[in-house]
Structure formats: structure tokens, C-alpha cells
Protein backbone atom coordinates (compact mmCIF):
# COMPACT_ATOMS: atom_id res chain seq x y z
CA MET A 1 -24.46 -41.67 -42.57
CA LEU A 2 -25.97 -38.92 -40.40
CA ARG A 3 -29.69 -39.12 -39.79
CA PRO A 4 -31.44 -36.06 -41.31
CA MET A 5 -32.84 -33.53 -38.87
CA LEU A 6 -36.53 -32.86 -39.43
CA ALA A 7 -38.74 -30.07 -38.12
CA CYS A 8 -42.51 -29.85 -38.04
CA CYS A 9 -44.62 -26.70 -38.09
CA LYS A 10 -48.30 -26.61 -37.18
CA LEU A 11 -50.10 -23.52 -38.45
CA TYR A 12 -53.71 -22.65 -37.56
CA VAL A 13 -55.84 -20.18 -39.49
CA SER A 14 -59.19 -18.75 -38.41
CA GLU A 15 -61.03 -19.90 -41.51
CA GLY A 16 -62.54 -23.22 -42.48
CA ARG A 17 -65.37 -22.35 -44.85
CA SER A 18 -63.93 -20.19 -47.63
CA ALA A 19 -62.50 -22.43 -50.33
CA ALA A 20 -60.79 -19.48 -52.00
CA ALA A 21 -59.00 -18.39 -48.82
CA LEU A 22 -57.83 -21.91 -48.00
CA ARG A 23 -56.69 -22.49 -51.57
CA ALA A 24 -54.49 -19.38 -51.35
CA VAL A 25 -52.91 -20.58 -48.09
CA GLU A 26 -52.27 -24.08 -49.41
CA GLN A 27 -50.81 -22.80 -52.68
CA ALA A 28 -48.30 -20.77 -50.66
CA ALA A 29 -47.18 -23.98 -48.95
CA ARG A 30 -46.98 -26.01 -52.15
CA ARG A 31 -44.69 -23.46 -53.80
CA HIS A 32 -41.95 -24.91 -51.59
CA HIS A 33 -42.61 -28.57 -52.38
CA PRO A 34 -40.69 -30.90 -52.25
CA ALA A 35 -38.34 -29.15 -49.78
CA VAL A 36 -41.37 -28.65 -47.53
CA ALA A 37 -44.14 -31.25 -47.37
CA LEU A 38 -47.71 -30.42 -46.38
CA VAL A 39 -48.53 -33.71 -44.65
CA ASN A 40 -51.90 -32.93 -43.09
CA THR A 41 -54.80 -30.49 -43.37
CA PHE A 42 -57.43 -30.66 -40.64
CA VAL A 43 -60.60 -28.69 -41.39
CA ASP A 44 -63.13 -28.04 -38.62
CA ASP A 45 -66.28 -26.36 -39.94
CA ALA A 46 -67.86 -25.80 -36.51
CA TYR A 47 -64.72 -24.07 -35.27
CA ASN A 48 -64.27 -22.30 -38.63
CA ARG A 49 -60.61 -23.19 -38.29
CA VAL A 50 -57.98 -25.18 -40.20
CA GLY A 51 -54.75 -26.69 -38.94
CA TYR A 52 -51.89 -27.36 -41.37
CA THR A 53 -48.92 -29.62 -40.66
CA LEU A 54 -45.66 -29.00 -42.54
CA VAL A 55 -42.40 -30.96 -42.39
CA SER A 56 -38.98 -30.11 -43.74
CA ARG A 57 -35.33 -31.02 -43.29
CA LEU A 58 -33.19 -28.66 -41.27
CA PRO A 59 -29.83 -27.51 -42.67
CA ASP A 60 -26.59 -29.34 -42.00
CA PRO A 61 -25.43 -28.17 -38.54
CA VAL A 62 -21.81 -28.27 -39.70
CA ALA A 63 -22.44 -25.43 -42.15
CA PRO A 64 -25.61 -23.75 -40.93
CA ALA A 65 -27.39 -21.15 -43.03
CA ALA A 66 -29.35 -18.18 -41.68
CA PRO A 67 -32.86 -19.30 -40.61
CA ALA A 68 -34.49 -16.86 -43.04
CA THR A 69 -33.09 -18.93 -45.92
CA TRP A 70 -34.47 -22.25 -44.66
CA PRO A 71 -37.29 -23.69 -46.79
CA LEU A 72 -39.57 -24.13 -43.76
CA HIS A 73 -39.11 -20.46 -42.84
CA ARG A 74 -40.03 -19.33 -46.34
CA ALA A 75 -43.03 -21.68 -46.53
CA VAL A 76 -44.48 -20.61 -43.18
CA PHE A 77 -43.95 -16.92 -43.91
CA GLY A 78 -45.64 -17.34 -47.30
CA MET A 79 -48.63 -19.13 -45.79
CA VAL A 80 -49.05 -16.46 -43.13
CA GLU A 81 -48.80 -13.69 -45.73
CA SER A 82 -51.40 -15.38 -47.93
CA ALA A 83 -53.74 -16.03 -45.00
CA LEU A 84 -53.58 -12.42 -43.84
CA GLY A 85 -54.48 -11.29 -47.33
CA ALA A 86 -57.40 -13.72 -47.67
CA ILE A 87 -58.93 -13.84 -44.16
CA ASP A 88 -60.69 -10.98 -42.38
CA LEU A 89 -60.91 -11.59 -38.64
CA ALA A 90 -63.47 -8.79 -38.35
CA SER A 91 -66.04 -10.95 -40.16
CA HIS A 92 -65.04 -14.26 -38.57
CA ALA A 93 -67.39 -16.37 -36.44
CA GLY A 94 -66.67 -19.76 -34.94
CA ALA A 95 -66.98 -21.90 -31.83
CA HIS A 96 -63.21 -21.98 -31.18
CA PRO A 97 -61.48 -19.01 -29.51
CA ARG A 98 -58.94 -17.16 -31.62
CA LEU A 99 -56.65 -14.16 -31.41
CA GLY A 100 -55.83 -13.63 -35.07
CA ALA A 101 -56.57 -14.45 -38.69
CA VAL A 102 -53.48 -16.63 -38.34
CA ASP A 103 -54.06 -17.65 -34.75
CA HIS A 104 -51.23 -19.97 -33.78
CA VAL A 105 -47.96 -21.26 -35.23
CA CYS A 106 -45.76 -23.81 -33.46
CA PHE A 107 -42.49 -25.53 -34.41
CA HIS A 108 -41.61 -29.01 -33.10
CA PRO A 109 -38.41 -31.03 -33.52
CA LEU A 110 -38.80 -34.40 -35.20
CA ALA A 111 -36.33 -37.15 -36.18
CA GLY A 112 -32.73 -36.24 -35.41
CA ALA A 113 -33.55 -32.71 -34.23
CA ALA A 114 -33.65 -31.12 -30.79
CA LEU A 115 -35.76 -28.31 -29.40
CA GLY A 116 -32.87 -25.86 -29.71
CA ASP A 117 -32.72 -26.59 -33.44
CA VAL A 118 -36.21 -25.16 -33.99
CA SER A 119 -36.29 -22.37 -31.39
CA SER A 120 -34.02 -20.08 -33.44
CA LEU A 121 -36.11 -20.81 -36.52
CA ALA A 122 -39.30 -19.89 -34.64
CA ALA A 123 -37.84 -16.61 -33.38
CA ALA A 124 -36.64 -15.67 -36.89
CA VAL A 125 -40.06 -16.42 -38.42
CA ALA A 126 -41.77 -14.38 -35.70
CA ALA A 127 -39.54 -11.38 -36.30
CA ASP A 128 -40.19 -11.44 -40.04
CA ILE A 129 -43.95 -11.85 -39.61
CA GLY A 130 -44.23 -9.16 -36.95
CA ASP A 131 -42.10 -6.54 -38.64
CA GLY A 132 -42.61 -7.49 -42.29
CA LEU A 133 -46.36 -8.14 -42.18
CA GLN A 134 -47.12 -5.72 -39.34
CA VAL A 135 -48.86 -8.18 -37.04
CA PRO A 136 -48.27 -8.09 -33.26
CA THR A 137 -46.52 -11.42 -32.64
CA TYR A 138 -46.00 -13.15 -29.30
CA LEU A 139 -43.43 -15.84 -28.58
CA TYR A 140 -43.77 -18.78 -26.21
CA GLY A 141 -41.98 -21.97 -25.24
CA ALA A 142 -38.34 -22.36 -26.23
CA ALA A 143 -38.69 -19.39 -28.62
CA HIS A 144 -39.33 -17.04 -25.69
CA ARG A 145 -36.39 -15.84 -23.61
CA GLU A 146 -38.15 -16.77 -20.35
CA GLY A 147 -39.95 -19.87 -21.63
CA ARG A 148 -43.43 -18.34 -21.30
CA THR A 149 -46.15 -20.95 -21.93
CA LEU A 150 -48.80 -20.81 -24.63
CA ALA A 151 -51.56 -20.92 -22.02
CA ALA A 152 -50.03 -18.02 -20.10
CA ILE A 153 -49.88 -15.62 -23.03
CA ARG A 154 -53.32 -16.66 -24.24
CA ARG A 155 -54.72 -16.02 -20.77
CA GLN A 156 -53.17 -12.56 -20.69
CA LEU A 157 -54.70 -11.75 -24.07
CA GLY A 158 -58.23 -12.93 -23.13
CA TYR A 159 -58.28 -16.07 -25.25
CA PHE A 160 -60.10 -18.18 -22.66
CA ARG A 161 -62.85 -15.65 -21.95
CA PRO A 162 -66.11 -17.51 -22.79
CA GLN A 163 -68.66 -15.96 -25.12
CA SER A 164 -72.31 -15.63 -24.16
CA ASP A 165 -73.57 -17.37 -27.31
CA ALA A 166 -70.77 -19.99 -27.39
CA GLU A 167 -69.28 -18.42 -30.54
CA TRP A 168 -66.49 -15.92 -31.04
CA ARG A 169 -67.54 -13.23 -33.51
CA GLY A 170 -65.78 -10.35 -35.17
CA PRO A 171 -62.55 -8.60 -34.24
CA LEU A 172 -60.77 -8.67 -30.90
CA PRO A 173 -62.00 -6.04 -28.42
CA VAL A 174 -58.50 -4.54 -28.29
CA THR A 175 -58.63 -3.66 -32.01
CA ALA A 176 -61.72 -1.44 -31.72
CA ASP A 177 -59.81 1.83 -31.28
CA ALA A 178 -56.29 0.68 -32.27
CA THR A 179 -55.00 1.36 -28.76
CA ALA A 180 -51.85 -0.31 -27.51
CA LEU A 181 -52.19 -3.96 -26.54
CA ALA A 182 -52.23 -4.81 -22.83
CA VAL A 183 -49.19 -7.07 -23.33
CA ALA A 184 -46.35 -5.77 -25.49
CA PRO A 185 -45.65 -8.09 -28.44
CA ASP A 186 -42.21 -9.59 -29.07
CA ALA A 187 -42.30 -8.43 -32.68
CA GLY A 188 -44.45 -6.14 -34.77
CA PRO A 189 -46.59 -3.11 -33.90
CA ASP A 190 -48.01 -2.40 -30.44
CA ALA A 191 -51.58 -2.19 -31.79
CA ALA A 192 -53.57 -4.84 -33.69
CA SER A 193 -55.75 -4.29 -36.73
CA ALA A 194 -59.33 -5.54 -36.74
CA SER A 195 -58.73 -7.69 -39.83
CA LYS A 196 -55.47 -9.38 -38.72
CA GLY A 197 -55.63 -9.51 -34.91
CA VAL A 198 -52.47 -10.89 -33.29
CA LEU A 199 -50.40 -14.04 -33.73
CA VAL A 200 -48.89 -16.40 -31.15
CA LEU A 201 -45.82 -18.39 -32.23
CA GLY A 202 -43.66 -20.84 -30.33
CA ALA A 203 -41.34 -23.84 -30.24
CA THR A 204 -42.05 -26.84 -28.01
CA ALA A 205 -41.63 -30.57 -27.70
CA TRP A 206 -44.34 -32.63 -29.38
CA VAL A 207 -47.98 -31.97 -28.38
CA ASP A 208 -50.97 -34.19 -29.19
CA ASN A 209 -54.38 -32.60 -29.71
CA TYR A 210 -57.23 -34.89 -28.64
CA ASN A 211 -60.90 -33.92 -28.55
CA VAL A 212 -63.74 -35.82 -26.86
CA PRO A 213 -67.32 -35.24 -28.14
CA VAL A 214 -70.03 -34.74 -25.52
CA ARG A 215 -73.66 -35.17 -26.61
CA THR A 216 -75.21 -32.04 -25.14
CA ALA A 217 -75.97 -28.42 -25.94
CA ASP A 218 -75.12 -27.48 -22.35
CA VAL A 219 -71.71 -25.93 -23.02
CA GLU A 220 -71.39 -24.71 -19.44
CA ALA A 221 -71.59 -28.28 -18.15
CA VAL A 222 -68.91 -29.32 -20.64
CA ARG A 223 -66.74 -26.44 -19.46
CA ARG A 224 -67.03 -27.75 -15.92
CA VAL A 225 -65.84 -31.15 -17.10
CA ALA A 226 -62.95 -29.59 -19.03
CA ARG A 227 -61.82 -27.60 -15.99
CA ARG A 228 -61.68 -30.77 -13.88
CA VAL A 229 -59.80 -32.68 -16.59
CA SER A 230 -57.09 -30.03 -16.96
CA GLU A 231 -53.99 -29.88 -14.80
CA ARG A 232 -54.86 -26.29 -13.90
CA GLY A 233 -58.17 -27.50 -12.46
CA GLY A 234 -56.55 -30.32 -10.47
CA GLY A 235 -56.96 -33.01 -13.12
CA LEU A 236 -54.47 -34.78 -15.33
CA ARG A 237 -50.86 -33.63 -15.33
CA SER A 238 -49.66 -31.94 -18.53
CA VAL A 239 -53.22 -31.73 -19.93
CA GLN A 240 -54.92 -28.50 -20.97
CA ALA A 241 -58.63 -28.65 -21.73
CA MET A 242 -61.46 -26.39 -22.92
CA GLY A 243 -65.18 -27.05 -23.19
CA LEU A 244 -66.50 -25.77 -26.52
CA ALA A 245 -69.68 -25.93 -28.58
CA HIS A 246 -69.15 -28.16 -31.60
CA GLY A 247 -71.82 -28.62 -34.23
CA ASP A 248 -75.58 -28.42 -33.90
CA GLY A 249 -76.54 -29.24 -30.33
CA GLY A 250 -73.16 -30.79 -29.53
CA ALA A 251 -70.01 -29.90 -27.63
CA GLU A 252 -66.59 -31.34 -26.89
CA VAL A 253 -63.70 -31.27 -24.48
CA ALA A 254 -60.75 -30.08 -26.57
CA CYS A 255 -57.40 -31.08 -25.07
CA ASN A 256 -53.71 -30.37 -25.53
CA LEU A 257 -51.60 -33.28 -24.27
CA LEU A 258 -48.29 -31.59 -23.48
CA ASP A 259 -46.51 -34.81 -22.53
CA PRO A 260 -48.36 -37.56 -24.43
CA GLY A 261 -45.78 -40.16 -23.43
CA ALA A 262 -46.75 -39.65 -19.78
CA VAL A 263 -50.48 -38.90 -20.06
CA GLY A 264 -52.16 -40.08 -23.22
CA ALA A 265 -55.53 -40.15 -24.92
CA GLU A 266 -56.82 -43.21 -23.06
CA GLU A 267 -56.49 -41.49 -19.71
CA VAL A 268 -58.16 -38.35 -21.04
CA GLN A 269 -61.00 -40.35 -22.57
CA GLY A 270 -61.60 -42.25 -19.34
CA MET A 271 -61.64 -39.14 -17.16
CA VAL A 272 -63.97 -37.24 -19.49
CA GLU A 273 -66.35 -40.21 -19.52
CA ARG A 274 -66.35 -40.40 -15.73
CA LEU A 275 -66.81 -36.67 -15.11
CA ALA A 276 -69.40 -36.26 -17.86
CA GLY A 277 -71.30 -39.20 -16.37
CA GLU A 278 -71.47 -37.30 -13.09
CA GLU A 279 -73.14 -34.47 -15.05
CA GLY A 280 -75.56 -36.93 -16.65
CA LEU A 281 -73.95 -36.50 -20.07
CA ALA A 282 -73.16 -39.08 -22.76
CA VAL A 283 -69.70 -39.08 -24.34
CA GLY A 284 -68.51 -40.16 -27.78
CA GLU A 285 -65.17 -41.62 -28.83
CA GLY A 286 -62.42 -39.01 -28.92
CA TYR A 287 -60.26 -38.23 -31.94
CA PHE A 288 -56.86 -36.74 -32.75
CA THR A 289 -56.71 -33.67 -34.97
CA ASP A 290 -53.39 -34.74 -36.47
CA PHE A 291 -51.30 -37.83 -37.11
CA SER A 292 -48.86 -39.15 -34.55
CA ARG A 293 -45.28 -37.89 -34.58
CA GLU A 294 -44.12 -41.22 -36.06
CA LYS A 295 -46.77 -41.18 -38.79
CA ILE A 296 -45.87 -37.61 -39.75
CA VAL A 297 -42.21 -38.59 -40.21
CA GLN A 298 -43.29 -41.59 -42.31
CA LEU A 299 -45.53 -39.41 -44.51
CA TYR A 300 -42.70 -36.95 -45.06
CA ILE A 301 -40.33 -39.74 -46.11
CA GLU A 302 -42.95 -41.13 -48.50
CA LYS A 303 -43.63 -37.72 -50.05
CA SER A 304 -39.91 -37.04 -50.42
CA ALA A 305 -39.40 -40.40 -52.15
CA GLN A 306 -42.29 -39.69 -54.53
CA ALA A 307 -40.80 -36.30 -55.42
CA GLU A 308 -37.42 -37.85 -56.20
CA ALA A 309 -38.87 -40.69 -58.28
């Protein structure tokens, strides 16, 4: 018996406080249950941001169907459509940077699947979102013809530009006069609306997200720590890190672990503790914003069994 191929999609919306908006997004996902399972919802009030994790089987490779007909495609498109109708980026405020009302969508292969199996799905979803929902959409990773990285496109679009008050507020500067974007999107219009912003969508191998709390209101000091932790700043290989305000008088080093099998949370925790200590800062125990890859597969299997019972 062939092992089923599974794909995971992580979808991040720039809203974490409006129950009505989040209910609309989640209802769009649940319309496709049990073919698509919503296995995790991570709400971060300080960031005013929610991350959703979806899992679905991929079609039989012997008789493949067009990606637009796949349940995961339809579920993700529906969630994005609902989010764009319920979230207004122009009125958004939060301590996490963002480029759009739906900020980031990424597909990952799980059990039995390979990266190539999800890259075509990602590209098809991006085309339908960009052209159908009229949102400038940028591809990265295996979905992009040149393998552009998430960090590279975010950097080009000003995602990492720090804010003076440690919060991102209102629409993107590029939406003020509806002029063409500095970087041409891969799908959708060349100008972004103030309410929708832009969307970045990709396909990559598994990524862990691990955040380490730092007990200080000095966000600039935490940014210095984050720069030294990240590979770009000469720190840990395959680690990306940002220093962000998080809660009243607190901050954290938010990390993407691009190769968690090689560099994991323990190494990140230890380096943050050491570098923060040099700044005279106390550090709390870090946390993951999602389940492990293995746990996500297990949850999907459990939910599928419950649906069939």
C-alpha cells in the first residue's frame, strides 16, 4: 500500500483581536473539512497576528488533477478571500512587521511528499489569488523560478525596516498614492491597495518558528541580540532572527529555523541567553509557535480518523 502524500500550508493574517474577522477566516477553512484539516491556530495579541496550519492529502501522482481542484488549494484560496474581506490593513497596528492583510502563505511537504509536489500547488494558488482577488503576490522558495528566498523579497519590500514606536501602523507606504510597486509582483496588479497590501507566498522544506522572550523594554538592545544570532549577522547557520516588542514592557527574539535538523531550538536558546547576558538582559524560556512536523502529521491522522468514524 502506498503511503499517502501530505502537504501542509501555514497561513498568516494580520489580525489577532477581531473575533468576527477570525471567525470568517476559520469558517472558510472548515468548509473543506475533512479533506483539509485545520490542525493549529496560533494567536498572538501583541503582534495582532494569527498563524493557521492546514494539512491535506495530495492527489494520486499516477492520475494527477489540476492543482486548482485540490482541496488544499480551494481551502487556502477561500481563507485568503475571507481574510481580505474582513481585515483592513489600513487600520492595523501590531508589533510584528507585515506586508499585507494576508501577510504570508507557505506550503511544506509532509509524509510521503517532496518539495516539487507542493511547488506547483503554491504557484497555482498564487496565480489565482493575485489575478482573482487583485492582490500583488510574490513567490519565493521552490515556487519561484529562481528560488528567491523569503528574506530577500521581504527585504526588497521594506519588511525589516524598524518603526520608531516599535509598532507597525496603518497601510504600507507604497499604497499611499497607488503607484507601481518597487518590485514587480509575480501575479496580480502592479499597485497595492491600502486595505489589502501585498502577499508573499512560497514553498519550502520544513521551517520551525521559535521565539525567545527577553525581559526588557529596550527593543533596540534586543535587535542587536537578534542580529548577532542570525546567520546574516554572523551567528547561527540557517537561522533568521528579529528583535521585536512583545507585550507590555517586554520583547523577544523571533526566529525562523530554516534547517531545524542541523540547528535547533536549544542552540538558539543558548546563544540568545549568552548575548542577552552581555547586554545585561534576562531571558525567558523560548517557545514554538506551532507543533513539530511529526505532531502535525499525527494530528491530521487523528482528525481524519474521527471524521471517518
